[in-house]
Structures are given as structure tokens and as C-alpha cells.
Amino acid sequence: MNRELEILRILENNSRISAKEIAEMLNMSVEEVEETIKKLEDEGVILKYKTLINWEKAGVEEVYAIIDVRVNLTREKGYDDIAKRIAKFPEVHAVRLVSGDYDFQVVVKGRSLKDISFFIAEKISTIPEVRDTVTHFLLRTYKEEGELLFKDEEDRRLAIVP
């Protein structure tokens, strides 16, 4: 496997790992690892280092929604143009072109259901190419970025014995 890909896989799993630890894992020098990481950052392959936080456990209440968006394309405005416009809103966390009945899946975050409803009504729905939307509010997240956000709890239901 390519050394760059090996480093990327390690960083994807743990962005706090040191260059020294990566060098030991891959039998490389620390300088080689640091140069490779710097190159990948400069090329835009590594875009951001992120911490995954369980906000529910931290006591922070946020509302997430997935908005399915159907659009009308024109000669002047294609998928990329519409996606870029939607992506510029600070409430938007992800915009994905998808197959199926809708064209885009948009993930948004707000402080309340009202905030998200306002966002859809005032910002998304006012884009001329947007034909219609369907909104799905996230009720609970069980797994994010490959990490379980809950601990297995003992089953407290009463056993039914025939």
C-alpha cells in the first residue's frame, strides 16, 4: 500500500497521533512522515482535523435535520452551481448529490426546530431552482463517524417465562 494512503488511514482514525508514532508504525523517519503530512495538507488532501464530540452527553441541545431537495436545472444553473449556493449557508453541514426522488441531501444544524424551519422557509425555499423539499429531523444519533455514542446497558426488562 502507498505510504501516503497508510498515513491517511492512520490519521483518519486518530488525528491526534504524533508523527513519531506514525513513523514507528510504518518504519519511516519522523521527517518523512512530517513532510508527507505537510504535502497532503498543501495539496488539499487533508482538509481538516476534527474532534468527534457527543454533544448530548455534554448537555448541549442542538437540532439536526436532513433536508431532501429537488431542483429544476437550467442552462445557466447546474447541480454544482446550486450545491455551492446551498453550501455557503453557515447552518449547512453537508450537501450531497444523491440518486433517487430528490437531487440533494442537505444536513443542517440549528438551536431549535423553529430555527431549522425558518432556515428552510427563508433560505432554501427561496432559491429559484429549488422545486420542493422534505425535512427529516434527527431524533437521536447512535453512531457517528464509526463511533458508537452509547454504552451497552444491561437489559432491565422482565424475563417472560412460559
Protein backbone atom coordinates (compact mmCIF):
# COMPACT_ATOMS: atom_id res chain seq x y z
CA MET A 1 0.00 0.00 0.00
CA ASN A 2 1.14 3.51 -0.78
CA ARG A 3 2.77 5.26 2.22
CA GLU A 4 0.56 8.33 1.78
CA LEU A 5 -2.58 6.18 1.95
CA GLU A 6 -1.29 4.39 5.04
CA ILE A 7 -0.67 7.73 6.76
CA LEU A 8 -4.11 8.99 5.73
CA ARG A 9 -5.82 5.89 7.14
CA ILE A 10 -3.96 6.29 10.44
CA LEU A 11 -4.85 10.00 10.68
CA GLU A 12 -8.47 9.36 9.74
CA ASN A 13 -8.76 7.04 12.72
CA ASN A 14 -6.80 9.26 15.14
CA SER A 15 -5.89 12.79 14.10
CA ARG A 16 -4.03 13.38 17.38
CA ILE A 17 -1.45 10.67 16.77
CA SER A 18 2.08 12.04 16.62
CA ALA A 19 4.41 11.89 13.63
CA LYS A 20 6.75 9.87 15.82
CA GLU A 21 4.10 7.22 16.47
CA ILE A 22 3.22 7.04 12.76
CA ALA A 23 6.89 6.74 11.87
CA GLU A 24 7.27 3.81 14.28
CA MET A 25 4.16 2.11 12.90
CA LEU A 26 5.29 2.43 9.28
CA ASN A 27 9.03 2.06 9.80
CA MET A 28 9.71 5.56 8.43
CA SER A 29 11.63 8.53 9.76
CA VAL A 30 9.73 11.25 11.63
CA GLU A 31 10.90 13.74 8.99
CA GLU A 32 9.45 11.62 6.17
CA VAL A 33 6.10 11.44 7.97
CA GLU A 34 6.05 15.18 8.69
CA GLU A 35 6.95 16.02 5.07
CA THR A 36 4.26 13.67 3.76
CA ILE A 37 1.60 15.15 6.04
CA LYS A 38 2.60 18.70 5.09
CA LYS A 39 2.43 17.78 1.38
CA LEU A 40 -1.03 16.23 1.82
CA GLU A 41 -2.24 19.36 3.64
CA ASP A 42 -0.80 21.67 0.95
CA GLU A 43 -2.45 19.61 -1.81
CA GLY A 44 -5.84 19.78 -0.09
CA VAL A 45 -5.99 16.03 0.50
CA ILE A 46 -6.11 16.61 4.26
CA LEU A 47 -8.74 19.29 4.69
CA LYS A 48 -9.30 19.47 8.44
CA TYR A 49 -8.55 17.78 11.73
CA LYS A 50 -11.69 17.17 13.74
CA THR A 51 -12.77 16.02 17.17
CA LEU A 52 -15.94 13.93 17.43
CA ILE A 53 -18.00 15.13 20.40
CA ASN A 54 -21.06 13.53 21.95
CA TRP A 55 -22.98 16.79 22.44
CA GLU A 56 -25.86 15.02 24.15
CA LYS A 57 -23.51 13.87 26.93
CA ALA A 58 -22.05 17.37 27.12
CA GLY A 59 -25.56 18.68 27.81
CA VAL A 60 -25.76 20.77 24.66
CA GLU A 61 -29.06 20.67 22.85
CA GLU A 62 -28.84 21.05 19.11
CA VAL A 63 -31.23 20.03 16.40
CA TYR A 64 -30.08 18.38 13.20
CA ALA A 65 -32.19 17.83 10.13
CA ILE A 66 -31.71 16.16 6.78
CA ILE A 67 -33.42 18.05 4.01
CA ASP A 68 -34.12 16.29 0.73
CA VAL A 69 -34.12 18.92 -2.01
CA ARG A 70 -35.49 18.57 -5.55
CA VAL A 71 -34.32 21.18 -8.06
CA ASN A 72 -35.03 22.35 -11.58
CA LEU A 73 -31.88 22.63 -13.66
CA THR A 74 -31.44 25.39 -16.22
CA ARG A 75 -28.83 26.11 -18.86
CA GLU A 76 -27.31 28.66 -16.51
CA LYS A 77 -27.56 26.67 -13.27
CA GLY A 78 -26.45 23.05 -12.92
CA TYR A 79 -26.08 20.82 -9.88
CA ASP A 80 -22.68 22.25 -8.95
CA ASP A 81 -23.95 25.84 -9.02
CA ILE A 82 -26.96 25.05 -6.83
CA ALA A 83 -24.90 22.95 -4.41
CA LYS A 84 -22.33 25.73 -4.00
CA ARG A 85 -25.07 28.24 -3.20
CA ILE A 86 -26.65 25.95 -0.57
CA ALA A 87 -23.25 25.06 0.92
CA LYS A 88 -22.45 28.72 1.66
CA PHE A 89 -25.09 28.96 4.41
CA PRO A 90 -23.45 28.59 7.85
CA GLU A 91 -26.26 26.29 9.08
CA VAL A 92 -25.36 23.73 6.42
CA HIS A 93 -23.00 20.95 7.49
CA ALA A 94 -23.14 18.79 4.37
CA VAL A 95 -24.53 18.91 0.84
CA ARG A 96 -24.60 15.71 -1.18
CA LEU A 97 -25.84 15.00 -4.70
CA VAL A 98 -27.88 11.80 -4.40
CA SER A 99 -29.78 9.40 -6.60
CA GLY A 100 -33.50 8.76 -6.18
CA ASP A 101 -36.53 11.03 -5.99
CA TYR A 102 -34.56 14.03 -4.75
CA ASP A 103 -31.39 15.65 -6.05
CA PHE A 104 -29.62 16.79 -2.86
CA GLN A 105 -29.35 15.70 0.73
CA VAL A 106 -28.60 18.69 2.92
CA VAL A 107 -27.63 18.28 6.59
CA VAL A 108 -28.30 21.35 8.73
CA LYS A 109 -27.85 22.24 12.40
CA GLY A 110 -29.85 24.70 14.46
CA ARG A 111 -30.68 25.51 18.06
CA SER A 112 -34.34 24.54 17.68
CA LEU A 113 -36.93 23.10 15.31
CA LYS A 114 -38.06 26.68 14.75
CA ASP A 115 -34.55 27.74 13.64
CA ILE A 116 -34.42 24.95 11.09
CA SER A 117 -37.95 25.63 9.87
CA PHE A 118 -37.04 29.31 9.42
CA PHE A 119 -33.86 28.32 7.56
CA ILE A 120 -35.83 26.16 5.12
CA ALA A 121 -38.58 28.72 4.57
CA GLU A 122 -36.36 31.78 4.29
CA LYS A 123 -33.17 30.47 2.70
CA ILE A 124 -33.58 27.12 0.94
CA SER A 125 -37.09 27.55 -0.43
CA THR A 126 -36.31 31.00 -1.81
CA ILE A 127 -33.62 29.67 -4.16
CA PRO A 128 -35.29 29.89 -7.59
CA GLU A 129 -34.12 26.43 -8.73
CA VAL A 130 -35.49 24.64 -5.63
CA ARG A 131 -38.68 22.83 -6.59
CA ASP A 132 -39.56 21.19 -3.27
CA THR A 133 -38.12 19.86 -0.03
CA VAL A 134 -38.77 17.16 2.53
CA THR A 135 -37.32 17.59 6.01
CA HIS A 136 -36.35 14.77 8.38
CA PHE A 137 -35.47 15.85 11.93
CA LEU A 138 -32.85 13.68 13.63
CA LEU A 139 -34.22 12.38 16.90
CA ARG A 140 -31.14 10.59 18.19
CA THR A 141 -27.73 9.58 16.85
CA TYR A 142 -26.45 6.15 17.80
CA LYS A 143 -23.29 6.03 15.71
CA GLU A 144 -21.25 8.83 14.14
CA GLU A 145 -18.03 8.63 12.14
CA GLY A 146 -17.80 4.93 13.01
CA GLU A 147 -18.04 5.56 16.76
CA LEU A 148 -20.89 4.28 18.95
CA LEU A 149 -22.36 7.10 21.01
CA PHE A 150 -23.85 4.85 23.66
CA LYS A 151 -22.65 2.18 26.01
CA ASP A 152 -24.29 -1.23 26.10
CA GLU A 153 -26.63 -1.14 29.04
CA GLU A 154 -27.92 -4.10 30.96
CA ASP A 155 -31.33 -5.17 29.72
CA ARG A 156 -33.75 -4.20 32.52
CA ARG A 157 -36.85 -5.77 31.01
CA LEU A 158 -38.50 -8.56 32.96
CA ALA A 159 -37.97 -12.01 31.51
CA ILE A 160 -41.14 -13.75 30.42
CA VAL A 161 -41.08 -17.44 31.06
CA PRO A 162 -43.82 -19.66 29.56
